[in-house]
Amino acid sequence: MSSVNAPFGLRPAKHPSGVIRQEAGTILSTYAANIFTGQPVKIGTDGTIQAAAIGDAFVGSFQGCEFTPATGRPRMRRAWRWRARPAP
């Protein structure tokens, strides 16, 4: 059987307690990079979550985000997708 190139990022495998524990953090609304599910993340110098680059020490993998846009209705997403928006 041939191998298949199907990258998936990091997946939680096992925790000594048997429970996968999530931690909440903050992503700046102006953070200009995409972060996808399973991608390694680090804590930036300002204390916010950022995508980890090759060689960076990371604290875990991104598993999704929750935010409230201007409409006031909370949203949950599996990825943080940055889009350039025109200035008002």
C-alpha atoms as a PDB file:
ATOM      1  CA  MET A   1       0.000   0.000   0.000  1.00  0.00           C
ATOM      2  CA  SER A   2       1.388   3.391  -0.920  1.00  0.00           C
ATOM      3  CA  SER A   3       1.497   6.239   1.534  1.00  0.00           C
ATOM      4  CA  VAL A   4      -0.850   9.176   1.099  1.00  0.00           C
ATOM      5  CA  ASN A   5       0.233  12.769   1.594  1.00  0.00           C
ATOM      6  CA  ALA A   6      -2.659  13.998   3.753  1.00  0.00           C
ATOM      7  CA  PRO A   7      -1.281  16.401   6.385  1.00  0.00           C
ATOM      8  CA  PHE A   8      -3.557  17.121   9.332  1.00  0.00           C
ATOM      9  CA  GLY A   9      -1.426  19.113  11.753  1.00  0.00           C
ATOM     10  CA  LEU A  10      -1.236  18.148  15.410  1.00  0.00           C
ATOM     11  CA  ARG A  11      -3.878  15.934  16.966  1.00  0.00           C
ATOM     12  CA  PRO A  12      -4.452  15.408  20.682  1.00  0.00           C
ATOM     13  CA  ALA A  13      -3.401  11.847  21.447  1.00  0.00           C
ATOM     14  CA  LYS A  14      -3.290  11.165  25.152  1.00  0.00           C
ATOM     15  CA  HIS A  15      -3.249  13.006  28.464  1.00  0.00           C
ATOM     16  CA  PRO A  16      -2.212  11.284  31.703  1.00  0.00           C
ATOM     17  CA  SER A  17      -5.639  12.010  33.189  1.00  0.00           C
ATOM     18  CA  GLY A  18      -7.445  10.629  30.137  1.00  0.00           C
ATOM     19  CA  VAL A  19      -9.073  14.010  29.471  1.00  0.00           C
ATOM     20  CA  ILE A  20      -7.980  16.370  26.694  1.00  0.00           C
ATOM     21  CA  ARG A  21      -7.879  19.817  28.282  1.00  0.00           C
ATOM     22  CA  GLN A  22      -8.356  23.013  26.325  1.00  0.00           C
ATOM     23  CA  GLU A  23      -7.060  26.430  27.289  1.00  0.00           C
ATOM     24  CA  ALA A  24      -8.474  29.751  26.182  1.00  0.00           C
ATOM     25  CA  GLY A  25      -6.359  32.593  24.859  1.00  0.00           C
ATOM     26  CA  THR A  26      -6.764  35.861  22.993  1.00  0.00           C
ATOM     27  CA  ILE A  27      -6.060  36.592  19.337  1.00  0.00           C
ATOM     28  CA  LEU A  28      -5.833  40.257  18.373  1.00  0.00           C
ATOM     29  CA  SER A  29      -8.535  41.207  15.878  1.00  0.00           C
ATOM     30  CA  THR A  30      -5.766  42.837  13.817  1.00  0.00           C
ATOM     31  CA  TYR A  31      -3.569  39.695  13.760  1.00  0.00           C
ATOM     32  CA  ALA A  32      -2.738  39.413  10.047  1.00  0.00           C
ATOM     33  CA  ALA A  33      -2.201  35.653   9.595  1.00  0.00           C
ATOM     34  CA  ASN A  34      -4.374  32.582   9.225  1.00  0.00           C
ATOM     35  CA  ILE A  35      -4.360  29.913  11.945  1.00  0.00           C
ATOM     36  CA  PHE A  36      -5.895  26.548  11.098  1.00  0.00           C
ATOM     37  CA  THR A  37      -7.062  23.627  13.224  1.00  0.00           C
ATOM     38  CA  GLY A  38      -4.107  21.509  14.339  1.00  0.00           C
ATOM     39  CA  GLN A  39      -1.525  24.217  13.640  1.00  0.00           C
ATOM     40  CA  PRO A  40       1.087  24.820  16.388  1.00  0.00           C
ATOM     41  CA  VAL A  41       0.572  28.089  18.288  1.00  0.00           C
ATOM     42  CA  LYS A  42       2.736  30.126  20.640  1.00  0.00           C
ATOM     43  CA  ILE A  43       2.231  32.942  23.119  1.00  0.00           C
ATOM     44  CA  GLY A  44       3.484  36.222  21.637  1.00  0.00           C
ATOM     45  CA  THR A  45       5.399  38.891  23.528  1.00  0.00           C
ATOM     46  CA  ASP A  46       2.117  40.765  24.055  1.00  0.00           C
ATOM     47  CA  GLY A  47       0.491  37.675  25.642  1.00  0.00           C
ATOM     48  CA  THR A  48      -1.738  36.797  22.683  1.00  0.00           C
ATOM     49  CA  ILE A  49      -1.998  33.588  20.644  1.00  0.00           C
ATOM     50  CA  GLN A  50       0.010  33.572  17.410  1.00  0.00           C
ATOM     51  CA  ALA A  51       0.903  30.977  14.792  1.00  0.00           C
ATOM     52  CA  ALA A  52       4.241  29.348  15.610  1.00  0.00           C
ATOM     53  CA  ALA A  53       6.955  29.479  12.962  1.00  0.00           C
ATOM     54  CA  ILE A  54       9.440  26.699  12.249  1.00  0.00           C
ATOM     55  CA  GLY A  55      11.852  26.493  15.178  1.00  0.00           C
ATOM     56  CA  ASP A  56       9.598  28.365  17.634  1.00  0.00           C
ATOM     57  CA  ALA A  57       8.694  26.784  20.950  1.00  0.00           C
ATOM     58  CA  PHE A  58       4.943  26.260  20.946  1.00  0.00           C
ATOM     59  CA  VAL A  59       2.370  25.776  23.698  1.00  0.00           C
ATOM     60  CA  GLY A  60      -0.174  23.635  21.856  1.00  0.00           C
ATOM     61  CA  SER A  61      -2.257  23.287  18.740  1.00  0.00           C
ATOM     62  CA  PHE A  62      -5.089  25.513  17.571  1.00  0.00           C
ATOM     63  CA  GLN A  63      -8.509  23.887  17.942  1.00  0.00           C
ATOM     64  CA  GLY A  64     -10.859  26.743  17.010  1.00  0.00           C
ATOM     65  CA  CYS A  65     -12.023  30.163  18.123  1.00  0.00           C
ATOM     66  CA  GLU A  66     -15.089  32.001  19.349  1.00  0.00           C
ATOM     67  CA  PHE A  67     -15.670  35.681  18.627  1.00  0.00           C
ATOM     68  CA  THR A  68     -18.422  38.291  18.522  1.00  0.00           C
ATOM     69  CA  PRO A  69     -18.561  40.418  15.352  1.00  0.00           C
ATOM     70  CA  ALA A  70     -20.251  43.808  15.066  1.00  0.00           C
ATOM     71  CA  THR A  71     -23.618  42.071  14.560  1.00  0.00           C
ATOM     72  CA  GLY A  72     -23.467  41.008  18.234  1.00  0.00           C
ATOM     73  CA  ARG A  73     -24.119  37.323  17.549  1.00  0.00           C
ATOM     74  CA  PRO A  74     -21.322  35.050  18.881  1.00  0.00           C
ATOM     75  CA  ARG A  75     -19.601  32.890  16.242  1.00  0.00           C
ATOM     76  CA  MET A  76     -17.439  29.778  16.510  1.00  0.00           C
ATOM     77  CA  ARG A  77     -14.930  28.801  13.815  1.00  0.00           C
ATOM     78  CA  ARG A  78     -12.420  26.003  13.371  1.00  0.00           C
ATOM     79  CA  ALA A  79      -9.904  28.443  11.819  1.00  0.00           C
ATOM     80  CA  TRP A  80      -8.823  32.064  12.337  1.00  0.00           C
ATOM     81  CA  ARG A  81      -8.931  33.578   8.856  1.00  0.00           C
ATOM     82  CA  TRP A  82      -7.619  37.070   8.500  1.00  0.00           C
ATOM     83  CA  ARG A  83      -9.077  39.210   5.744  1.00  0.00           C
ATOM     84  CA  ALA A  84      -7.850  42.635   4.794  1.00  0.00           C
ATOM     85  CA  ARG A  85     -10.718  45.045   5.237  1.00  0.00           C
ATOM     86  CA  PRO A  86     -10.861  48.539   3.779  1.00  0.00           C
ATOM     87  CA  ALA A  87     -10.406  51.390   6.191  1.00  0.00           C
ATOM     88  CA  PRO A  88     -13.669  53.123   7.199  1.00  0.00           C
END
